């Protein structure tokens, strides 16, 4: 690691092959926590290059435990995190609304690092049992429309750096990798990013694939459609700034989407919204993200029709039914 760090301290960047080799070594437990912390910190002080990100991604995908879902074309809704906004679990809620509207979702998530409650914190508290058994995950997907992929079970490197990331408590380049390494290789992806720079990087990367993708970034810094400001929306056909009124029929304030101070707070908000008892602002934000997920999948011809389908999923109790069914399967 000393050689690697000295190389970085000279303001040099890694080739794609070099980056892949380094992350492979991290996955194999070659470095201690102090070395890992120093390495991750470098990328907080300068932007990661495309080649470095590609190399890190290559290593994670090569070493991952793949999940084969019998050809189901699933959606993943995931944010990079690291926006320091501490919202409630908007992406995870959106997954259940999408499933309630007839979509299939393989949600890739992890414990919160720079936020109070990550998707894994929430799902674990709700009674979901993390698993890597493809057959069990496929059963969940086919019976409910949702399965959850706890990232460390599928990526050795994420397990090896979990403690360091938690101790640092800030965004690292691993936040950027999460949306790129879903072990189910989701065909449809709605990705929320914390900066315009990252939005452009992801756009470049996803344009090289055959995936259906939508990248969103709220222009006031949220890694999701927050409805607190205009949202940059990027897909294969271009990019456009969309207003809160266009995406969610209203503008909300940052206080409206605060996620609480503990995982228990986040779980309480999650269940309240899923039961149809959320505030109009909370509902609007979740519905906008779910609608964009449905739009990404091409479930309906227009975004407005997707938004209406999301409303029906939430207000009819279909989304709650998906969640309850998924949790009930954990005891089997």
C-alpha atoms as a PDB file:
ATOM      1  CA  UNK A   1       0.000   0.000   0.000  1.00  0.00           C
ATOM      2  CA  UNK A   2       2.903   2.380   0.656  1.00  0.00           C
ATOM      3  CA  UNK A   3       3.828   2.261  -3.025  1.00  0.00           C
ATOM      4  CA  UNK A   4       0.200   2.858  -4.046  1.00  0.00           C
ATOM      5  CA  UNK A   5      -0.186   5.828  -1.716  1.00  0.00           C
ATOM      6  CA  UNK A   6       3.079   7.450  -2.811  1.00  0.00           C
ATOM      7  CA  UNK A   7       1.911   7.104  -6.399  1.00  0.00           C
ATOM      8  CA  UNK A   8      -1.344   8.888  -5.536  1.00  0.00           C
ATOM      9  CA  UNK A   9       0.442  11.578  -3.536  1.00  0.00           C
ATOM     10  CA  UNK A  10       2.298  12.491  -6.737  1.00  0.00           C
ATOM     11  CA  UNK A  11      -1.103  13.391  -8.246  1.00  0.00           C
ATOM     12  CA  UNK A  12      -1.048  10.416 -10.602  1.00  0.00           C
ATOM     13  CA  UNK A  13      -4.090   8.372 -11.593  1.00  0.00           C
ATOM     14  CA  UNK A  14      -4.519   4.639 -12.139  1.00  0.00           C
ATOM     15  CA  UNK A  15      -5.271   2.857 -15.368  1.00  0.00           C
ATOM     16  CA  UNK A  16      -8.355   0.657 -15.493  1.00  0.00           C
ATOM     17  CA  UNK A  17      -6.194  -2.465 -15.048  1.00  0.00           C
ATOM     18  CA  UNK A  18      -4.288  -0.978 -12.105  1.00  0.00           C
ATOM     19  CA  UNK A  19      -7.519   0.032 -10.364  1.00  0.00           C
ATOM     20  CA  UNK A  20      -8.938  -3.443 -10.865  1.00  0.00           C
ATOM     21  CA  UNK A  21      -5.821  -5.025  -9.364  1.00  0.00           C
ATOM     22  CA  UNK A  22      -5.949  -2.769  -6.298  1.00  0.00           C
ATOM     23  CA  UNK A  23      -9.592  -3.494  -5.552  1.00  0.00           C
ATOM     24  CA  UNK A  24      -8.956  -7.194  -6.071  1.00  0.00           C
ATOM     25  CA  UNK A  25      -6.247  -6.964  -3.398  1.00  0.00           C
ATOM     26  CA  UNK A  26      -8.686  -5.135  -1.111  1.00  0.00           C
ATOM     27  CA  UNK A  27     -11.219  -7.917  -1.665  1.00  0.00           C
ATOM     28  CA  UNK A  28      -8.591 -10.486  -0.728  1.00  0.00           C
ATOM     29  CA  UNK A  29      -7.861  -8.734   2.583  1.00  0.00           C
ATOM     30  CA  UNK A  30      -4.298  -7.737   1.690  1.00  0.00           C
ATOM     31  CA  UNK A  31      -4.426  -4.341   3.421  1.00  0.00           C
ATOM     32  CA  UNK A  32      -5.082  -3.359   7.041  1.00  0.00           C
ATOM     33  CA  UNK A  33      -7.697  -0.804   8.139  1.00  0.00           C
ATOM     34  CA  UNK A  34      -5.239   2.097   8.418  1.00  0.00           C
ATOM     35  CA  UNK A  35      -4.042   1.501   4.868  1.00  0.00           C
ATOM     36  CA  UNK A  36      -7.594   1.263   3.585  1.00  0.00           C
ATOM     37  CA  UNK A  37      -8.587   4.494   5.342  1.00  0.00           C
ATOM     38  CA  UNK A  38      -5.650   6.345   3.808  1.00  0.00           C
ATOM     39  CA  UNK A  39      -6.449   4.988   0.345  1.00  0.00           C
ATOM     40  CA  UNK A  40     -10.137   5.914   0.509  1.00  0.00           C
ATOM     41  CA  UNK A  41      -9.368   9.384   1.848  1.00  0.00           C
ATOM     42  CA  UNK A  42      -7.294  10.266  -1.219  1.00  0.00           C
ATOM     43  CA  UNK A  43     -10.445  10.077  -3.366  1.00  0.00           C
ATOM     44  CA  UNK A  44     -12.177  12.581  -1.104  1.00  0.00           C
ATOM     45  CA  UNK A  45      -9.541  15.131  -2.084  1.00  0.00           C
ATOM     46  CA  UNK A  46      -9.688  14.627  -5.829  1.00  0.00           C
ATOM     47  CA  UNK A  47     -12.223  13.381  -8.344  1.00  0.00           C
ATOM     48  CA  UNK A  48     -12.125   9.735  -9.334  1.00  0.00           C
ATOM     49  CA  UNK A  49     -11.390   9.159 -13.021  1.00  0.00           C
ATOM     50  CA  UNK A  50     -13.557   7.142 -15.386  1.00  0.00           C
ATOM     51  CA  UNK A  51     -10.827   4.515 -15.764  1.00  0.00           C
ATOM     52  CA  UNK A  52     -10.438   4.165 -12.003  1.00  0.00           C
ATOM     53  CA  UNK A  53     -14.166   3.774 -11.516  1.00  0.00           C
ATOM     54  CA  UNK A  54     -14.331   1.225 -14.329  1.00  0.00           C
ATOM     55  CA  UNK A  55     -11.431  -0.737 -12.884  1.00  0.00           C
ATOM     56  CA  UNK A  56     -12.947  -0.808  -9.409  1.00  0.00           C
ATOM     57  CA  UNK A  57     -16.266  -1.899 -10.926  1.00  0.00           C
ATOM     58  CA  UNK A  58     -14.585  -4.624 -12.988  1.00  0.00           C
ATOM     59  CA  UNK A  59     -13.031  -6.114  -9.848  1.00  0.00           C
ATOM     60  CA  UNK A  60     -16.281  -6.089  -7.871  1.00  0.00           C
ATOM     61  CA  UNK A  61     -18.264  -7.699 -10.686  1.00  0.00           C
ATOM     62  CA  UNK A  62     -15.605 -10.329 -11.361  1.00  0.00           C
ATOM     63  CA  UNK A  63     -15.503 -11.331  -7.694  1.00  0.00           C
ATOM     64  CA  UNK A  64     -19.201 -10.968  -6.898  1.00  0.00           C
ATOM     65  CA  UNK A  65     -21.649 -13.724  -6.095  1.00  0.00           C
ATOM     66  CA  UNK A  66     -24.027 -13.426  -9.073  1.00  0.00           C
ATOM     67  CA  UNK A  67     -27.788 -13.751  -8.722  1.00  0.00           C
ATOM     68  CA  UNK A  68     -29.560 -15.303 -11.678  1.00  0.00           C
ATOM     69  CA  UNK A  69     -33.286 -14.538 -11.666  1.00  0.00           C
ATOM     70  CA  UNK A  70     -34.379 -16.681 -14.601  1.00  0.00           C
ATOM     71  CA  UNK A  71     -34.427 -13.861 -17.089  1.00  0.00           C
ATOM     72  CA  UNK A  72     -36.650 -11.505 -15.084  1.00  0.00           C
ATOM     73  CA  UNK A  73     -35.935  -7.952 -16.289  1.00  0.00           C
ATOM     74  CA  UNK A  74     -35.736  -6.282 -12.903  1.00  0.00           C
ATOM     75  CA  UNK A  75     -35.404  -2.663 -11.814  1.00  0.00           C
ATOM     76  CA  UNK A  76     -33.019  -1.321  -9.202  1.00  0.00           C
ATOM     77  CA  UNK A  77     -33.702   2.031  -7.547  1.00  0.00           C
ATOM     78  CA  UNK A  78     -30.588   3.177  -5.768  1.00  0.00           C
ATOM     79  CA  UNK A  79     -28.882   6.374  -4.712  1.00  0.00           C
ATOM     80  CA  UNK A  80     -25.179   6.886  -4.291  1.00  0.00           C
ATOM     81  CA  UNK A  81     -25.742   8.293  -0.821  1.00  0.00           C
ATOM     82  CA  UNK A  82     -23.268  10.779   0.503  1.00  0.00           C
ATOM     83  CA  UNK A  83     -25.467  13.834  -0.013  1.00  0.00           C
ATOM     84  CA  UNK A  84     -25.507  14.483   3.772  1.00  0.00           C
ATOM     85  CA  UNK A  85     -29.235  15.280   3.589  1.00  0.00           C
ATOM     86  CA  UNK A  86     -30.493  12.452   5.844  1.00  0.00           C
ATOM     87  CA  UNK A  87     -33.827  11.912   4.136  1.00  0.00           C
ATOM     88  CA  UNK A  88     -36.125   9.023   4.962  1.00  0.00           C
ATOM     89  CA  UNK A  89     -35.696   5.843   2.880  1.00  0.00           C
ATOM     90  CA  UNK A  90     -37.241   7.192  -0.312  1.00  0.00           C
ATOM     91  CA  UNK A  91     -35.653   4.699  -2.731  1.00  0.00           C
ATOM     92  CA  UNK A  92     -36.659   1.665  -0.672  1.00  0.00           C
ATOM     93  CA  UNK A  93     -40.240   2.858  -0.338  1.00  0.00           C
ATOM     94  CA  UNK A  94     -40.361   3.520  -4.060  1.00  0.00           C
ATOM     95  CA  UNK A  95     -39.383  -0.101  -4.730  1.00  0.00           C
ATOM     96  CA  UNK A  96     -42.502  -1.399  -2.980  1.00  0.00           C
ATOM     97  CA  UNK A  97     -44.729   1.074  -4.807  1.00  0.00           C
ATOM     98  CA  UNK A  98     -43.231  -0.018  -8.128  1.00  0.00           C
ATOM     99  CA  UNK A  99     -43.837  -3.673  -7.236  1.00  0.00           C
ATOM    100  CA  UNK A 100     -47.402  -2.833  -6.197  1.00  0.00           C
ATOM    101  CA  UNK A 101     -47.872  -1.361  -9.667  1.00  0.00           C
ATOM    102  CA  UNK A 102     -46.722  -4.534 -11.379  1.00  0.00           C
ATOM    103  CA  UNK A 103     -42.968  -3.976 -11.667  1.00  0.00           C
ATOM    104  CA  UNK A 104     -40.245  -6.342 -10.468  1.00  0.00           C
ATOM    105  CA  UNK A 105     -37.445  -4.951  -8.318  1.00  0.00           C
ATOM    106  CA  UNK A 106     -34.099  -6.377  -7.186  1.00  0.00           C
ATOM    107  CA  UNK A 107     -33.051  -3.734  -4.683  1.00  0.00           C
ATOM    108  CA  UNK A 108     -29.301  -3.566  -4.028  1.00  0.00           C
ATOM    109  CA  UNK A 109     -28.550  -1.931  -0.680  1.00  0.00           C
ATOM    110  CA  UNK A 110     -26.258  -1.637   2.308  1.00  0.00           C
ATOM    111  CA  UNK A 111     -26.076  -0.257   5.823  1.00  0.00           C
ATOM    112  CA  UNK A 112     -25.977   3.516   6.125  1.00  0.00           C
ATOM    113  CA  UNK A 113     -22.495   5.016   6.251  1.00  0.00           C
ATOM    114  CA  UNK A 114     -22.950   8.742   5.792  1.00  0.00           C
ATOM    115  CA  UNK A 115     -26.659   8.616   6.701  1.00  0.00           C
ATOM    116  CA  UNK A 116     -28.597   7.388   9.716  1.00  0.00           C
ATOM    117  CA  UNK A 117     -30.483   4.594   7.992  1.00  0.00           C
ATOM    118  CA  UNK A 118     -29.416   2.756   4.864  1.00  0.00           C
ATOM    119  CA  UNK A 119     -31.723   0.361   3.046  1.00  0.00           C
ATOM    120  CA  UNK A 120     -30.188  -2.608   4.875  1.00  0.00           C
ATOM    121  CA  UNK A 121     -30.722  -1.015   8.295  1.00  0.00           C
ATOM    122  CA  UNK A 122     -34.368  -0.507   7.461  1.00  0.00           C
ATOM    123  CA  UNK A 123     -35.013  -3.930   5.960  1.00  0.00           C
ATOM    124  CA  UNK A 124     -33.252  -5.700   8.807  1.00  0.00           C
ATOM    125  CA  UNK A 125     -35.315  -3.840  11.402  1.00  0.00           C
ATOM    126  CA  UNK A 126     -38.478  -4.745   9.487  1.00  0.00           C
ATOM    127  CA  UNK A 127     -37.650  -8.438   9.835  1.00  0.00           C
ATOM    128  CA  UNK A 128     -36.104  -9.151   6.450  1.00  0.00           C
ATOM    129  CA  UNK A 129     -33.402 -11.841   6.570  1.00  0.00           C
ATOM    130  CA  UNK A 130     -30.439 -11.165   4.324  1.00  0.00           C
ATOM    131  CA  UNK A 131     -29.597 -14.030   2.006  1.00  0.00           C
ATOM    132  CA  UNK A 132     -27.548 -14.867  -1.071  1.00  0.00           C
ATOM    133  CA  UNK A 133     -29.419 -18.033  -2.088  1.00  0.00           C
ATOM    134  CA  UNK A 134     -30.563 -17.363  -5.686  1.00  0.00           C
ATOM    135  CA  UNK A 135     -33.522 -19.740  -5.415  1.00  0.00           C
ATOM    136  CA  UNK A 136     -34.904 -18.021  -2.313  1.00  0.00           C
ATOM    137  CA  UNK A 137     -34.390 -14.599  -3.862  1.00  0.00           C
ATOM    138  CA  UNK A 138     -36.084 -15.726  -7.074  1.00  0.00           C
ATOM    139  CA  UNK A 139     -39.034 -17.053  -5.057  1.00  0.00           C
ATOM    140  CA  UNK A 140     -39.378 -13.698  -3.281  1.00  0.00           C
ATOM    141  CA  UNK A 141     -39.269 -11.858  -6.591  1.00  0.00           C
ATOM    142  CA  UNK A 142     -41.848 -14.093  -8.247  1.00  0.00           C
ATOM    143  CA  UNK A 143     -44.252 -14.089  -5.306  1.00  0.00           C
ATOM    144  CA  UNK A 144     -44.006 -10.428  -4.283  1.00  0.00           C
ATOM    145  CA  UNK A 145     -42.262  -8.478  -7.058  1.00  0.00           C
ATOM    146  CA  UNK A 146     -39.334  -7.563  -4.770  1.00  0.00           C
ATOM    147  CA  UNK A 147     -36.135  -9.148  -3.513  1.00  0.00           C
ATOM    148  CA  UNK A 148     -33.407  -7.428  -1.507  1.00  0.00           C
ATOM    149  CA  UNK A 149     -29.687  -7.879  -2.113  1.00  0.00           C
ATOM    150  CA  UNK A 150     -27.568  -6.933   0.929  1.00  0.00           C
ATOM    151  CA  UNK A 151     -24.356  -5.806  -0.778  1.00  0.00           C
ATOM    152  CA  UNK A 152     -21.712  -7.320   1.583  1.00  0.00           C
ATOM    153  CA  UNK A 153     -23.102 -10.823   1.011  1.00  0.00           C
ATOM    154  CA  UNK A 154     -22.349 -10.517  -2.690  1.00  0.00           C
ATOM    155  CA  UNK A 155     -19.181  -8.410  -2.720  1.00  0.00           C
ATOM    156  CA  UNK A 156     -16.159  -9.511  -0.613  1.00  0.00           C
ATOM    157  CA  UNK A 157     -14.530  -6.083  -0.901  1.00  0.00           C
ATOM    158  CA  UNK A 158     -17.536  -4.356   0.655  1.00  0.00           C
ATOM    159  CA  UNK A 159     -17.367  -6.699   3.615  1.00  0.00           C
ATOM    160  CA  UNK A 160     -13.658  -5.983   4.066  1.00  0.00           C
ATOM    161  CA  UNK A 161     -14.076  -2.200   4.051  1.00  0.00           C
ATOM    162  CA  UNK A 162     -17.342  -1.984   6.014  1.00  0.00           C
ATOM    163  CA  UNK A 163     -15.694  -1.208   9.339  1.00  0.00           C
ATOM    164  CA  UNK A 164     -13.443   1.493   7.881  1.00  0.00           C
ATOM    165  CA  UNK A 165     -16.309   3.147   6.004  1.00  0.00           C
ATOM    166  CA  UNK A 166     -18.401   3.170   9.157  1.00  0.00           C
ATOM    167  CA  UNK A 167     -15.586   4.727  11.186  1.00  0.00           C
ATOM    168  CA  UNK A 168     -14.910   7.386   8.547  1.00  0.00           C
ATOM    169  CA  UNK A 169     -18.622   8.197   8.304  1.00  0.00           C
ATOM    170  CA  UNK A 170     -18.215  10.148   5.076  1.00  0.00           C
ATOM    171  CA  UNK A 171     -18.833   9.502   1.419  1.00  0.00           C
ATOM    172  CA  UNK A 172     -16.134   7.417  -0.307  1.00  0.00           C
ATOM    173  CA  UNK A 173     -15.711   6.063  -3.818  1.00  0.00           C
ATOM    174  CA  UNK A 174     -17.573   2.941  -2.678  1.00  0.00           C
ATOM    175  CA  UNK A 175     -20.740   5.070  -2.713  1.00  0.00           C
ATOM    176  CA  UNK A 176     -20.146   5.595  -6.412  1.00  0.00           C
ATOM    177  CA  UNK A 177     -19.707   1.870  -7.044  1.00  0.00           C
ATOM    178  CA  UNK A 178     -22.970   0.678  -5.477  1.00  0.00           C
ATOM    179  CA  UNK A 179     -25.252   1.516  -8.433  1.00  0.00           C
ATOM    180  CA  UNK A 180     -22.791  -0.107 -10.855  1.00  0.00           C
ATOM    181  CA  UNK A 181     -22.510  -3.543  -9.275  1.00  0.00           C
ATOM    182  CA  UNK A 182     -25.988  -4.952  -8.651  1.00  0.00           C
ATOM    183  CA  UNK A 183     -25.299  -8.729  -8.550  1.00  0.00           C
ATOM    184  CA  UNK A 184     -28.608  -9.424 -10.318  1.00  0.00           C
ATOM    185  CA  UNK A 185     -27.356  -7.282 -13.227  1.00  0.00           C
ATOM    186  CA  UNK A 186     -30.616  -5.303 -13.296  1.00  0.00           C
ATOM    187  CA  UNK A 187     -31.744  -4.414 -16.812  1.00  0.00           C
ATOM    188  CA  UNK A 188     -33.474  -1.230 -15.629  1.00  0.00           C
ATOM    189  CA  UNK A 189     -31.838   1.251 -13.256  1.00  0.00           C
ATOM    190  CA  UNK A 190     -32.991   4.462 -11.617  1.00  0.00           C
ATOM    191  CA  UNK A 191     -29.896   6.042 -10.084  1.00  0.00           C
ATOM    192  CA  UNK A 192     -29.814   9.067  -7.812  1.00  0.00           C
ATOM    193  CA  UNK A 193     -26.507  10.936  -7.582  1.00  0.00           C
ATOM    194  CA  UNK A 194     -25.196  13.632  -5.250  1.00  0.00           C
ATOM    195  CA  UNK A 195     -23.578  15.909  -7.849  1.00  0.00           C
ATOM    196  CA  UNK A 196     -23.821  16.936 -11.486  1.00  0.00           C
ATOM    197  CA  UNK A 197     -20.266  15.712 -12.011  1.00  0.00           C
ATOM    198  CA  UNK A 198     -21.266  12.201 -10.947  1.00  0.00           C
ATOM    199  CA  UNK A 199     -24.422  12.404 -13.075  1.00  0.00           C
ATOM    200  CA  UNK A 200     -22.282  12.988 -16.153  1.00  0.00           C
ATOM    201  CA  UNK A 201     -19.885  10.172 -15.210  1.00  0.00           C
ATOM    202  CA  UNK A 202     -22.748   7.706 -14.788  1.00  0.00           C
ATOM    203  CA  UNK A 203     -24.326   8.860 -18.029  1.00  0.00           C
ATOM    204  CA  UNK A 204     -21.097   8.115 -19.865  1.00  0.00           C
ATOM    205  CA  UNK A 205     -20.816   4.669 -18.246  1.00  0.00           C
ATOM    206  CA  UNK A 206     -24.428   3.634 -18.808  1.00  0.00           C
ATOM    207  CA  UNK A 207     -24.409   4.821 -22.403  1.00  0.00           C
ATOM    208  CA  UNK A 208     -21.884   2.016 -23.026  1.00  0.00           C
ATOM    209  CA  UNK A 209     -24.403  -0.620 -21.879  1.00  0.00           C
ATOM    210  CA  UNK A 210     -27.725  -1.947 -23.138  1.00  0.00           C
ATOM    211  CA  UNK A 211     -29.508  -1.077 -19.877  1.00  0.00           C
ATOM    212  CA  UNK A 212     -32.549   1.167 -19.594  1.00  0.00           C
ATOM    213  CA  UNK A 213     -31.469   3.884 -17.174  1.00  0.00           C
ATOM    214  CA  UNK A 214     -32.544   7.169 -15.681  1.00  0.00           C
ATOM    215  CA  UNK A 215     -30.144   9.287 -13.629  1.00  0.00           C
ATOM    216  CA  UNK A 216     -31.600  11.921 -11.304  1.00  0.00           C
ATOM    217  CA  UNK A 217     -30.007  14.708  -9.297  1.00  0.00           C
ATOM    218  CA  UNK A 218     -31.895  17.391  -7.412  1.00  0.00           C
ATOM    219  CA  UNK A 219     -30.112  20.629  -8.169  1.00  0.00           C
ATOM    220  CA  UNK A 220     -29.924  21.551  -4.487  1.00  0.00           C
ATOM    221  CA  UNK A 221     -27.831  18.445  -3.796  1.00  0.00           C
ATOM    222  CA  UNK A 222     -30.138  15.481  -3.114  1.00  0.00           C
ATOM    223  CA  UNK A 223     -29.327  12.081  -4.641  1.00  0.00           C
ATOM    224  CA  UNK A 224     -32.976  11.483  -5.565  1.00  0.00           C
ATOM    225  CA  UNK A 225     -36.015  13.387  -6.762  1.00  0.00           C
ATOM    226  CA  UNK A 226     -36.543  15.499  -3.646  1.00  0.00           C
ATOM    227  CA  UNK A 227     -39.123  17.997  -4.994  1.00  0.00           C
ATOM    228  CA  UNK A 228     -37.262  20.660  -3.002  1.00  0.00           C
ATOM    229  CA  UNK A 229     -35.874  22.084  -6.251  1.00  0.00           C
ATOM    230  CA  UNK A 230     -35.649  21.297  -9.939  1.00  0.00           C
ATOM    231  CA  UNK A 231     -34.260  17.863 -10.810  1.00  0.00           C
ATOM    232  CA  UNK A 232     -31.784  17.056 -13.548  1.00  0.00           C
ATOM    233  CA  UNK A 233     -33.126  13.964 -15.336  1.00  0.00           C
ATOM    234  CA  UNK A 234     -30.780  12.116 -17.696  1.00  0.00           C
ATOM    235  CA  UNK A 235     -31.534   9.073 -19.824  1.00  0.00           C
ATOM    236  CA  UNK A 236     -30.243   7.521 -23.016  1.00  0.00           C
ATOM    237  CA  UNK A 237     -31.963  10.205 -25.099  1.00  0.00           C
ATOM    238  CA  UNK A 238     -30.674  13.309 -23.350  1.00  0.00           C
ATOM    239  CA  UNK A 239     -31.146  15.419 -20.256  1.00  0.00           C
ATOM    240  CA  UNK A 240     -33.695  17.885 -18.984  1.00  0.00           C
ATOM    241  CA  UNK A 241     -34.372  19.924 -15.860  1.00  0.00           C
ATOM    242  CA  UNK A 242     -37.800  19.056 -14.460  1.00  0.00           C
ATOM    243  CA  UNK A 243     -39.670  21.145 -11.884  1.00  0.00           C
ATOM    244  CA  UNK A 244     -41.191  19.753  -8.661  1.00  0.00           C
ATOM    245  CA  UNK A 245     -44.604  20.536 -10.096  1.00  0.00           C
ATOM    246  CA  UNK A 246     -43.887  18.444 -13.199  1.00  0.00           C
ATOM    247  CA  UNK A 247     -42.558  15.461 -11.262  1.00  0.00           C
ATOM    248  CA  UNK A 248     -44.606  15.482  -8.070  1.00  0.00           C
ATOM    249  CA  UNK A 249     -47.316  18.086  -8.632  1.00  0.00           C
ATOM    250  CA  UNK A 250     -45.955  20.195  -5.767  1.00  0.00           C
ATOM    251  CA  UNK A 251     -42.825  21.595  -4.169  1.00  0.00           C
ATOM    252  CA  UNK A 252     -41.796  20.455  -0.677  1.00  0.00           C
ATOM    253  CA  UNK A 253     -39.383  21.730   1.959  1.00  0.00           C
ATOM    254  CA  UNK A 254     -36.276  19.917   3.271  1.00  0.00           C
ATOM    255  CA  UNK A 255     -37.965  19.510   6.669  1.00  0.00           C
ATOM    256  CA  UNK A 256     -40.756  17.509   5.025  1.00  0.00           C
ATOM    257  CA  UNK A 257     -38.417  14.705   3.963  1.00  0.00           C
ATOM    258  CA  UNK A 258     -36.149  14.492   7.001  1.00  0.00           C
ATOM    259  CA  UNK A 259     -35.535  10.868   7.987  1.00  0.00           C
ATOM    260  CA  UNK A 260     -35.169  11.188  11.754  1.00  0.00           C
ATOM    261  CA  UNK A 261     -32.200  10.666  14.040  1.00  0.00           C
ATOM    262  CA  UNK A 262     -32.232   6.876  14.433  1.00  0.00           C
ATOM    263  CA  UNK A 263     -32.994   3.755  12.432  1.00  0.00           C
ATOM    264  CA  UNK A 264     -36.127   3.361  14.548  1.00  0.00           C
ATOM    265  CA  UNK A 265     -37.246   6.852  13.480  1.00  0.00           C
ATOM    266  CA  UNK A 266     -36.655   5.955   9.833  1.00  0.00           C
ATOM    267  CA  UNK A 267     -38.562   2.675  10.184  1.00  0.00           C
ATOM    268  CA  UNK A 268     -41.507   4.468  11.774  1.00  0.00           C
ATOM    269  CA  UNK A 269     -41.663   6.968   8.901  1.00  0.00           C
ATOM    270  CA  UNK A 270     -41.317   4.138   6.375  1.00  0.00           C
ATOM    271  CA  UNK A 271     -44.272   2.188   7.756  1.00  0.00           C
ATOM    272  CA  UNK A 272     -46.409   5.285   8.195  1.00  0.00           C
ATOM    273  CA  UNK A 273     -46.029   6.197   4.526  1.00  0.00           C
ATOM    274  CA  UNK A 274     -46.475   2.618   3.314  1.00  0.00           C
ATOM    275  CA  UNK A 275     -49.732   2.354   5.281  1.00  0.00           C
ATOM    276  CA  UNK A 276     -51.029   5.448   3.480  1.00  0.00           C
ATOM    277  CA  UNK A 277     -50.628   7.681   6.530  1.00  0.00           C
ATOM    278  CA  UNK A 278     -47.768   9.829   5.258  1.00  0.00           C
ATOM    279  CA  UNK A 279     -47.980  13.592   4.811  1.00  0.00           C
ATOM    280  CA  UNK A 280     -48.820  14.935   1.378  1.00  0.00           C
ATOM    281  CA  UNK A 281     -45.177  16.029   0.997  1.00  0.00           C
ATOM    282  CA  UNK A 282     -43.749  12.621   1.974  1.00  0.00           C
ATOM    283  CA  UNK A 283     -46.155  10.865  -0.372  1.00  0.00           C
ATOM    284  CA  UNK A 284     -45.390  13.203  -3.264  1.00  0.00           C
ATOM    285  CA  UNK A 285     -41.649  12.563  -3.065  1.00  0.00           C
ATOM    286  CA  UNK A 286     -42.023   8.784  -2.881  1.00  0.00           C
ATOM    287  CA  UNK A 287     -44.565   8.760  -5.701  1.00  0.00           C
ATOM    288  CA  UNK A 288     -42.312  10.856  -7.939  1.00  0.00           C
ATOM    289  CA  UNK A 289     -39.387   8.461  -7.488  1.00  0.00           C
ATOM    290  CA  UNK A 290     -41.603   5.391  -7.970  1.00  0.00           C
ATOM    291  CA  UNK A 291     -43.133   6.950 -11.076  1.00  0.00           C
ATOM    292  CA  UNK A 292     -39.673   7.570 -12.526  1.00  0.00           C
ATOM    293  CA  UNK A 293     -38.821   3.933 -11.817  1.00  0.00           C
ATOM    294  CA  UNK A 294     -41.933   2.767 -13.664  1.00  0.00           C
ATOM    295  CA  UNK A 295     -41.097   5.184 -16.480  1.00  0.00           C
ATOM    296  CA  UNK A 296     -37.564   3.749 -16.674  1.00  0.00           C
ATOM    297  CA  UNK A 297     -39.080   0.275 -17.068  1.00  0.00           C
ATOM    298  CA  UNK A 298     -41.433   1.482 -19.782  1.00  0.00           C
ATOM    299  CA  UNK A 299     -44.467   0.216 -17.858  1.00  0.00           C
ATOM    300  CA  UNK A 300     -46.652   3.034 -19.222  1.00  0.00           C
ATOM    301  CA  UNK A 301     -46.295   5.337 -22.233  1.00  0.00           C
ATOM    302  CA  UNK A 302     -45.964   8.598 -20.268  1.00  0.00           C
ATOM    303  CA  UNK A 303     -44.543   9.767 -16.962  1.00  0.00           C
ATOM    304  CA  UNK A 304     -47.953  11.092 -15.896  1.00  0.00           C
ATOM    305  CA  UNK A 305     -49.481   7.641 -16.369  1.00  0.00           C
ATOM    306  CA  UNK A 306     -46.647   6.168 -14.309  1.00  0.00           C
ATOM    307  CA  UNK A 307     -47.348   8.720 -11.567  1.00  0.00           C
ATOM    308  CA  UNK A 308     -51.013   7.764 -11.522  1.00  0.00           C
ATOM    309  CA  UNK A 309     -50.094   4.068 -11.322  1.00  0.00           C
ATOM    310  CA  UNK A 310     -47.840   4.853  -8.353  1.00  0.00           C
ATOM    311  CA  UNK A 311     -50.694   6.679  -6.610  1.00  0.00           C
ATOM    312  CA  UNK A 312     -52.960   3.671  -7.135  1.00  0.00           C
ATOM    313  CA  UNK A 313     -50.297   1.305  -5.786  1.00  0.00           C
ATOM    314  CA  UNK A 314     -49.917   3.306  -2.577  1.00  0.00           C
ATOM    315  CA  UNK A 315     -53.536   4.338  -1.973  1.00  0.00           C
ATOM    316  CA  UNK A 316     -55.004   0.906  -2.748  1.00  0.00           C
ATOM    317  CA  UNK A 317     -52.703  -0.817  -0.279  1.00  0.00           C
ATOM    318  CA  UNK A 318     -50.992  -2.834  -3.030  1.00  0.00           C
ATOM    319  CA  UNK A 319     -47.531  -1.557  -2.033  1.00  0.00           C
ATOM    320  CA  UNK A 320     -48.171  -2.414   1.624  1.00  0.00           C
ATOM    321  CA  UNK A 321     -49.381  -5.843   0.540  1.00  0.00           C
ATOM    322  CA  UNK A 322     -46.102  -6.454  -1.288  1.00  0.00           C
ATOM    323  CA  UNK A 323     -44.124  -5.516   1.806  1.00  0.00           C
ATOM    324  CA  UNK A 324     -46.209  -7.674   4.147  1.00  0.00           C
ATOM    325  CA  UNK A 325     -45.952 -10.656   1.811  1.00  0.00           C
ATOM    326  CA  UNK A 326     -42.181 -10.265   1.545  1.00  0.00           C
ATOM    327  CA  UNK A 327     -41.752 -10.177   5.330  1.00  0.00           C
ATOM    328  CA  UNK A 328     -44.073 -13.149   5.778  1.00  0.00           C
ATOM    329  CA  UNK A 329     -41.820 -15.222   3.502  1.00  0.00           C
ATOM    330  CA  UNK A 330     -38.886 -14.738   5.894  1.00  0.00           C
ATOM    331  CA  UNK A 331     -40.301 -17.296   8.313  1.00  0.00           C
ATOM    332  CA  UNK A 332     -40.449 -20.054   5.684  1.00  0.00           C
END
